[in-house]
Structures are given as C-alpha cells and as structure tokens.
Amino acid sequence: MEQNILARIAAVIQSSSVQGWLVVDRDFKVVHANEAYCQLWKTKSEEVIGKHILKLFFKGQKKDNRGNYLGPLIETIDTGREIALMEVCVTSQYNDANIWCLANTYLLRDSEGRIEYAVGTYLPIDKFKVIERRLDNINLDIIKAFCKAIGVRDAYTKQHSECVAYLMVELAEYLNLSPDEVTKAYLAGIVHDVGKIGVPERILGKPGRLSDEEFKIIKCHPVKGSEIIAEIDGLGAITSIVRHHHERYDGRGYPEGLAGENIPFLSRMLCICDAFDAMTSQRCYRDPYTTEQALEEIKRCAGLQFDPIISEQFITCMKKQLQRN
C-alpha cells in the first residue's frame, strides 16, 4: 500500500499499538492490516490482504435476515457514515473464534469526494464484558456517554481512553489484583481523561508544543475529571485515582506534587499505561514509538516519572504478551 495513503490513514485514526486496524477499498477488498489486527485473529497479513471482507467474515452477505448490517465497515462503505464506539462480535474464518471488539470506522475520500478507503479499528473487549457484568451499581451508560462526548471533540482522547483501559486490565490481572481492583483499574482507564471535556478544542488538537499558558490549562484536567466522576453514583472509589494519574514518582508531577507511595497505587499504574499508549499512538505532529522503544523509555524513567517496581512489572507483562502473539 502506498506510504502516502498509510500516512493519511494514520493521521485520521491515531491508533496505538494495542488497537488492530483494517483498511478496505470501496469494493470491500482488504488493502492493509496492521500487526495488532493480525495478532488479534492469529493470522498473517498475507492471508488477509487482497481478500474481500464479505467473504472473510460474513459468507458473502452484507446484512442479516432482519436487514441489519453484519459489520461496521460494511455499513460505513454502503452508507458513507462513520461509526464510533460500536460493540461488535466477529467470528474469524481462520479459527472460528468469536471476539468482542469496540469498533470505530473512518472514511478517506478522493479529490472528487468519492469514498476511496474505509478504515476500521478494533480493540478487544472480552475482558471488559466480564468486568461490566460485575458493575451492578454503576451507570455504564453515563460513563460511555462521557467518553463519546470527549470523542466528538478529540478523536485521539476517545481511542486513547479505550486503549489505556485495556492496558490497565492486562497489568492488573498480571499483578494478580483482586476482581474489585481489576474493575477499578478498568473504570479508571476509561474515564481518566474525562476532565479534558473542559479543555478548549484549539488546545486539544494543537499540532505542536503547548505554550506555558496552554499547558497550565491542560494540567487542570485531572482535578476537573475527579470532580465530574465524583458526581456519578458508584464511581467514588476512583476519584483519587483519576485526580493523581499525572503525579510523578519523584514528586515533580501535578496537581499536588505527591511522591512515591503517597501516590495511589492504581494512579501509579495508570501513569505508566497512559504514557505507554501516548508514546505508541500516531499523532499529527510525530511518528509513534515502537513497543520496544516505548518500553525502553519506561525503563529509563523508572524511579523518576514512574514507580520503579510497577515499571518493571509492566515491561515484563508487555514482553510476555508480545511472545504470546
């Protein structure tokens, strides 16, 4: 696939290394699949590229017997509408695996405004579904509404929150935390940037270094986020986690300059997961780090920005995940 097309796609989706993405042309033929997508389906790119998604996943059909589209990419190409935060269950023809994913779709048009390519991003959420079944007293609709509201203003933040929640669950389970703590880790990941709803769009989408005044405004989002979620029944337990996820282990973070173990444990986890996804995500002003480069940076900053023990555990967790894939 041409590099300029890939650059256009990357600028639109700003996807991180944990999110699979698939590109199809207007005839439903796959033209690109990233490494995370292939890992998700336990396949290789050469087994996907050049194939038609209708035949790969949907037995040649676009809709089911009730007239519903069988997949978000099909719907996007047929209707010309992009889709955000759709939960889908997809069956692979390679291993008959059923995987729940959170999907987003994006369109790229040619110079005459015609659909040229459609891009689908897929974040596996099987573990999220299990966690959500434990949330008896929490209004998930409110949480997801906030996430969508942020996504309307800043596509990067929307995808970033999904990916950070995924990383938080992976790390929490690797650390053998209790089910309650895994649930808190998931929720904190989903809502940790909700305070950005109060940040002007010109700052959220600025393609370059922020001024001192702009950075001062950005630094208010952890406090604002903790205040917002404190008003939602059932989320009181994660307000301090969100409030302190930008504290640094050496005490040079914000909003309160807490240091070491005075920072809540899950905030220290969130700080690492947040930074890792930010580093491995494509942004309009820089290329993403590779997973290896991001892990090396976390190692370098252990004891300064990050909790050294959690950093070591995170690095080991991610390396084992790479080996499994």
Protein backbone atom coordinates (compact mmCIF):
# COMPACT_ATOMS: atom_id res chain seq x y z
CA MET A 1 0.00 0.00 0.00
CA GLU A 2 1.32 3.49 -0.87
CA GLN A 3 3.05 5.24 2.02
CA ASN A 4 1.11 8.48 1.49
CA ILE A 5 -2.15 6.55 1.91
CA LEU A 6 -0.86 4.97 5.11
CA ALA A 7 0.15 8.41 6.36
CA ARG A 8 -3.35 9.76 5.64
CA ILE A 9 -4.88 6.83 7.50
CA ALA A 10 -2.52 7.19 10.47
CA ALA A 11 -3.31 10.90 10.74
CA VAL A 12 -7.04 10.13 10.87
CA ILE A 13 -7.16 7.21 13.27
CA GLN A 14 -4.13 7.97 15.51
CA SER A 15 -4.25 4.34 16.62
CA SER A 16 -1.97 2.87 19.28
CA SER A 17 -0.05 -0.39 19.20
CA VAL A 18 -2.77 -2.32 21.08
CA GLN A 19 -5.50 -1.50 18.59
CA GLY A 20 -5.96 -3.55 15.45
CA TRP A 21 -6.90 -1.76 12.25
CA LEU A 22 -8.06 -2.91 8.85
CA VAL A 23 -8.26 -0.93 5.62
CA VAL A 24 -10.61 -1.86 2.77
CA ASP A 25 -11.31 -0.18 -0.54
CA ARG A 26 -14.78 0.75 -1.81
CA ASP A 27 -15.12 -2.73 -3.32
CA PHE A 28 -14.67 -4.31 0.15
CA LYS A 29 -11.20 -5.65 -0.66
CA VAL A 30 -8.63 -5.59 2.17
CA VAL A 31 -5.63 -3.43 1.30
CA HIS A 32 -3.90 -3.28 4.68
CA ALA A 33 -4.00 -4.93 8.11
CA ASN A 34 -1.66 -3.85 10.89
CA GLU A 35 0.27 -6.21 13.16
CA ALA A 36 -2.15 -5.84 16.09
CA TYR A 37 -5.08 -6.81 13.84
CA CYS A 38 -3.27 -9.92 12.62
CA GLN A 39 -2.33 -10.86 16.18
CA LEU A 40 -5.96 -10.49 17.22
CA TRP A 41 -7.03 -13.11 14.67
CA LYS A 42 -3.87 -15.26 14.92
CA THR A 43 -3.22 -14.82 11.22
CA LYS A 44 -0.70 -13.21 8.87
CA SER A 45 -1.17 -10.12 6.75
CA GLU A 46 -0.64 -12.07 3.51
CA GLU A 47 -3.63 -14.26 4.42
CA VAL A 48 -5.86 -11.17 4.69
CA ILE A 49 -4.63 -8.61 2.15
CA GLY A 50 -6.34 -8.87 -1.20
CA LYS A 51 -9.31 -10.78 0.23
CA HIS A 52 -12.87 -9.43 0.43
CA ILE A 53 -14.14 -8.85 3.96
CA LEU A 54 -17.58 -10.10 2.96
CA LYS A 55 -16.06 -13.49 2.17
CA LEU A 56 -13.58 -13.42 5.05
CA PHE A 57 -16.12 -12.84 7.80
CA PHE A 58 -19.67 -12.74 6.51
CA LYS A 59 -20.10 -15.55 3.96
CA GLY A 60 -20.60 -13.02 1.20
CA GLN A 61 -23.51 -11.26 2.90
CA LYS A 62 -23.86 -7.61 3.87
CA LYS A 63 -26.92 -7.92 6.11
CA ASP A 64 -28.60 -10.49 8.31
CA ASN A 65 -32.16 -11.75 7.93
CA ARG A 66 -33.51 -8.71 9.79
CA GLY A 67 -31.79 -6.26 7.46
CA ASN A 68 -29.04 -5.27 9.92
CA TYR A 69 -25.51 -4.78 8.64
CA LEU A 70 -23.20 -7.60 9.68
CA GLY A 71 -20.21 -5.36 10.33
CA PRO A 72 -19.38 -1.66 10.85
CA LEU A 73 -17.00 -1.44 7.88
CA ILE A 74 -19.68 -2.78 5.55
CA GLU A 75 -22.18 -0.25 6.86
CA THR A 76 -19.70 2.61 6.55
CA ILE A 77 -18.88 1.85 2.91
CA ASP A 78 -22.54 1.32 1.99
CA THR A 79 -23.91 4.38 3.77
CA GLY A 80 -20.97 6.77 3.85
CA ARG A 81 -21.39 7.20 7.63
CA GLU A 82 -18.51 6.82 10.06
CA ILE A 83 -19.21 4.84 13.25
CA ALA A 84 -17.93 5.44 16.78
CA LEU A 85 -17.69 3.05 19.73
CA MET A 86 -19.74 0.18 18.32
CA GLU A 87 -19.53 -3.10 20.24
CA VAL A 88 -19.32 -5.95 17.73
CA CYS A 89 -18.82 -9.69 17.95
CA VAL A 90 -16.86 -11.00 14.98
CA THR A 91 -16.20 -14.63 14.04
CA SER A 92 -12.92 -15.44 12.31
CA GLN A 93 -12.92 -17.88 9.42
CA TYR A 94 -9.41 -18.96 10.40
CA ASN A 95 -10.09 -20.42 13.83
CA ASP A 96 -13.86 -19.93 14.40
CA ALA A 97 -13.02 -17.64 17.31
CA ASN A 98 -15.66 -15.17 18.49
CA ILE A 99 -14.15 -11.93 19.72
CA TRP A 100 -15.96 -8.92 21.16
CA CYS A 101 -14.39 -5.69 19.95
CA LEU A 102 -15.01 -1.99 20.30
CA ALA A 103 -15.01 -0.71 16.72
CA ASN A 104 -14.66 2.68 15.10
CA THR A 105 -14.74 3.39 11.37
CA TYR A 106 -13.31 6.23 9.29
CA LEU A 107 -13.59 7.24 5.64
CA LEU A 108 -10.93 8.50 3.26
CA ARG A 109 -12.24 10.19 0.11
CA ASP A 110 -10.55 11.02 -3.17
CA SER A 111 -10.21 14.53 -4.61
CA GLU A 112 -13.74 14.33 -6.02
CA GLY A 113 -15.27 13.39 -2.69
CA ARG A 114 -15.88 9.73 -3.51
CA ILE A 115 -15.18 7.03 -0.94
CA GLU A 116 -11.71 5.64 -1.59
CA TYR A 117 -10.98 3.64 1.55
CA ALA A 118 -12.68 2.76 4.81
CA VAL A 119 -10.68 2.08 7.96
CA GLY A 120 -11.88 0.03 10.90
CA THR A 121 -10.16 -0.02 14.30
CA TYR A 122 -10.78 -2.89 16.69
CA LEU A 123 -9.99 -3.08 20.39
CA PRO A 124 -10.69 -6.49 22.00
CA ILE A 125 -13.10 -6.07 24.92
CA ASP A 126 -13.88 -9.64 26.00
CA LYS A 127 -12.36 -8.86 29.38
CA PHE A 128 -14.30 -5.62 29.54
CA LYS A 129 -17.57 -7.53 29.06
CA VAL A 130 -16.72 -9.77 32.01
CA ILE A 131 -15.89 -6.75 34.15
CA GLU A 132 -19.05 -4.90 33.16
CA ARG A 133 -21.16 -7.77 34.40
CA ARG A 134 -19.76 -7.05 37.87
CA LEU A 135 -20.82 -3.41 37.82
CA ASP A 136 -24.23 -3.74 39.42
CA ASN A 137 -24.47 -0.26 40.89
CA ILE A 138 -22.70 1.85 38.29
CA ASN A 139 -24.44 3.52 35.38
CA LEU A 140 -22.25 2.50 32.44
CA ASP A 141 -24.41 4.50 30.05
CA ILE A 142 -23.28 7.69 31.76
CA ILE A 143 -19.63 6.63 31.59
CA LYS A 144 -19.86 5.77 27.90
CA ALA A 145 -21.75 8.98 27.17
CA PHE A 146 -18.87 10.97 28.64
CA CYS A 147 -16.38 9.01 26.51
CA LYS A 148 -18.40 9.74 23.36
CA ALA A 149 -18.69 13.42 24.27
CA ILE A 150 -14.91 13.67 24.52
CA GLY A 151 -14.51 11.71 21.29
CA VAL A 152 -16.64 14.20 19.39
CA ARG A 153 -14.18 16.94 20.39
CA ASP A 154 -10.96 14.92 20.24
CA ALA A 155 -10.71 11.58 18.38
CA TYR A 156 -7.32 10.83 19.94
CA THR A 157 -8.61 11.06 23.52
CA LYS A 158 -11.53 8.74 22.74
CA GLN A 159 -9.30 5.98 21.37
CA HIS A 160 -6.62 6.63 23.95
CA SER A 161 -9.03 6.03 26.85
CA GLU A 162 -10.17 2.71 25.36
CA CYS A 163 -6.58 1.53 24.93
CA VAL A 164 -5.48 2.67 28.39
CA ALA A 165 -8.39 0.73 29.93
CA TYR A 166 -7.21 -2.34 28.02
CA LEU A 167 -3.65 -1.92 29.32
CA MET A 168 -4.85 -1.33 32.87
CA VAL A 169 -6.80 -4.59 32.86
CA GLU A 170 -3.86 -6.51 31.39
CA LEU A 171 -1.49 -5.14 34.03
CA ALA A 172 -3.95 -5.56 36.92
CA GLU A 173 -4.51 -9.21 36.03
CA TYR A 174 -0.77 -9.77 35.61
CA LEU A 175 -0.26 -8.35 39.12
CA ASN A 176 -2.95 -10.74 40.45
CA LEU A 177 -5.06 -7.91 41.82
CA SER A 178 -8.49 -8.76 43.19
CA PRO A 179 -11.54 -8.65 40.87
CA ASP A 180 -12.62 -5.43 42.59
CA GLU A 181 -9.25 -3.82 41.91
CA VAL A 182 -9.29 -5.01 38.27
CA THR A 183 -12.71 -3.38 37.92
CA LYS A 184 -11.38 -0.12 39.38
CA ALA A 185 -8.40 -0.30 37.01
CA TYR A 186 -10.75 -0.68 34.03
CA LEU A 187 -13.01 2.20 35.08
CA ALA A 188 -10.06 4.48 35.82
CA GLY A 189 -8.65 3.81 32.37
CA ILE A 190 -11.94 4.57 30.67
CA VAL A 191 -12.60 7.88 32.46
CA HIS A 192 -9.11 9.13 33.34
CA ASP A 193 -9.19 11.93 30.75
CA VAL A 194 -12.83 12.93 31.17
CA GLY A 195 -11.66 16.28 32.58
CA LYS A 196 -10.50 17.20 29.08
CA ILE A 197 -14.13 17.95 28.27
CA GLY A 198 -13.39 21.35 29.82
CA VAL A 199 -10.27 22.00 27.71
CA PRO A 200 -10.70 24.16 24.57
CA GLU A 201 -10.54 22.25 21.29
CA ARG A 202 -7.79 24.54 19.97
CA ILE A 203 -5.55 23.18 22.74
CA LEU A 204 -6.65 19.54 22.49
CA GLY A 205 -5.92 19.46 18.76
CA LYS A 206 -2.86 21.70 18.64
CA PRO A 207 -0.25 20.04 16.36
CA GLY A 208 2.81 21.05 18.31
CA ARG A 209 4.25 22.18 21.61
CA LEU A 210 1.86 23.89 24.02
CA SER A 211 2.60 27.33 25.43
CA ASP A 212 3.05 27.70 29.18
CA GLU A 213 -0.49 29.09 29.46
CA GLU A 214 -1.97 26.25 27.37
CA PHE A 215 -0.10 23.66 29.45
CA LYS A 216 -1.46 25.28 32.62
CA ILE A 217 -4.98 24.72 31.27
CA ILE A 218 -4.24 21.09 30.35
CA LYS A 219 -2.87 20.47 33.84
CA CYS A 220 -6.32 21.21 35.29
CA HIS A 221 -7.93 18.15 33.64
CA PRO A 222 -7.14 15.53 36.36
CA VAL A 223 -8.81 17.68 39.04
CA LYS A 224 -11.74 18.54 36.78
CA GLY A 225 -12.13 14.86 35.88
CA SER A 226 -12.16 13.76 39.51
CA GLU A 227 -14.82 16.37 40.26
CA ILE A 228 -17.00 15.18 37.38
CA ILE A 229 -16.87 11.47 38.26
CA ALA A 230 -17.42 12.21 41.95
CA GLU A 231 -20.96 13.19 40.92
CA ILE A 232 -21.69 9.75 39.38
CA ASP A 233 -23.07 7.14 41.76
CA GLY A 234 -20.67 4.23 42.18
CA LEU A 235 -17.52 5.97 40.95
CA GLY A 236 -16.40 7.50 44.24
CA ALA A 237 -13.68 4.87 44.64
CA ILE A 238 -11.79 6.02 41.56
CA THR A 239 -11.88 9.79 42.01
CA SER A 240 -8.46 9.90 43.70
CA ILE A 241 -7.02 7.53 41.07
CA VAL A 242 -8.05 9.93 38.30
CA ARG A 243 -7.00 13.02 40.26
CA HIS A 244 -3.44 11.78 40.72
CA HIS A 245 -2.62 9.97 37.46
CA HIS A 246 -0.23 12.76 36.42
CA GLU A 247 1.76 12.73 39.65
CA ARG A 248 5.38 11.62 39.24
CA TYR A 249 7.21 9.17 41.46
CA ASP A 250 9.91 11.82 42.10
CA GLY A 251 7.30 14.37 43.25
CA ARG A 252 7.56 16.65 40.21
CA GLY A 253 4.08 15.89 38.82
CA TYR A 254 0.70 17.53 39.23
CA PRO A 255 -1.76 18.53 40.63
CA GLU A 256 -0.34 18.15 44.16
CA GLY A 257 3.28 17.07 43.70
CA LEU A 258 2.79 13.77 45.55
CA ALA A 259 5.77 11.41 45.53
CA GLY A 260 6.49 7.70 45.86
CA GLU A 261 3.92 5.60 47.65
CA ASN A 262 1.93 8.65 48.64
CA ILE A 263 0.52 8.42 45.12
CA PRO A 264 -2.39 5.91 44.98
CA PHE A 265 -1.23 2.53 43.67
CA LEU A 266 -3.69 2.47 40.75
CA SER A 267 -2.67 6.04 39.85
CA ARG A 268 0.92 4.84 39.57
CA MET A 269 -0.28 2.05 37.28
CA LEU A 270 -2.37 4.49 35.27
CA CYS A 271 0.57 6.85 34.84
CA ILE A 272 2.54 4.09 33.11
CA CYS A 273 -0.31 2.77 30.94
CA ASP A 274 -1.24 6.32 29.96
CA ALA A 275 2.32 7.16 28.91
CA PHE A 276 2.83 3.88 27.03
CA ASP A 277 -0.28 4.35 24.91
CA ALA A 278 0.56 8.00 24.26
CA MET A 279 4.04 7.02 23.06
CA THR A 280 2.82 4.22 20.78
CA SER A 281 -0.02 6.25 19.23
CA GLN A 282 0.28 8.08 15.94
CA ARG A 283 -0.11 11.84 16.34
CA CYS A 284 -0.35 14.51 13.68
CA TYR A 285 2.94 16.05 14.89
CA ARG A 286 5.10 12.92 15.32
CA ASP A 287 5.50 9.26 14.47
CA PRO A 288 4.70 6.65 17.13
CA TYR A 289 7.29 4.79 19.16
CA THR A 290 7.56 1.09 18.57
CA THR A 291 6.55 -1.09 21.52
CA GLU A 292 10.23 -1.80 22.21
CA GLN A 293 11.14 1.91 22.16
CA ALA A 294 8.26 2.77 24.50
CA LEU A 295 9.24 0.04 26.96
CA GLU A 296 12.83 1.26 26.89
CA GLU A 297 11.63 4.79 27.70
CA ILE A 298 9.57 3.49 30.63
CA LYS A 299 12.66 1.66 31.89
CA ARG A 300 14.73 4.83 31.55
CA CYS A 301 12.18 6.89 33.51
CA ALA A 302 11.61 4.30 36.26
CA GLY A 303 12.19 5.90 39.65
CA LEU A 304 11.73 9.38 38.16
CA GLN A 305 8.39 9.64 36.39
CA PHE A 306 7.26 6.09 37.10
CA ASP A 307 7.12 3.72 40.06
CA PRO A 308 10.21 1.50 39.53
CA ILE A 309 8.61 -1.74 40.70
CA ILE A 310 5.40 -1.30 38.69
CA SER A 311 7.51 -0.23 35.69
CA GLU A 312 9.46 -3.48 35.83
CA GLN A 313 6.24 -5.50 36.11
CA PHE A 314 4.64 -3.62 33.20
CA ILE A 315 7.65 -4.21 30.96
CA THR A 316 7.64 -7.93 31.78
CA CYS A 317 3.86 -8.12 31.21
CA MET A 318 4.10 -6.48 27.79
CA LYS A 319 7.04 -8.60 26.69
CA LYS A 320 5.20 -11.78 27.65
CA GLN A 321 2.17 -10.55 25.72
CA LEU A 322 4.36 -9.99 22.66
CA GLN A 323 5.77 -13.50 22.97
CA ARG A 324 2.24 -14.99 23.13
CA ASN A 325 1.32 -13.17 19.95
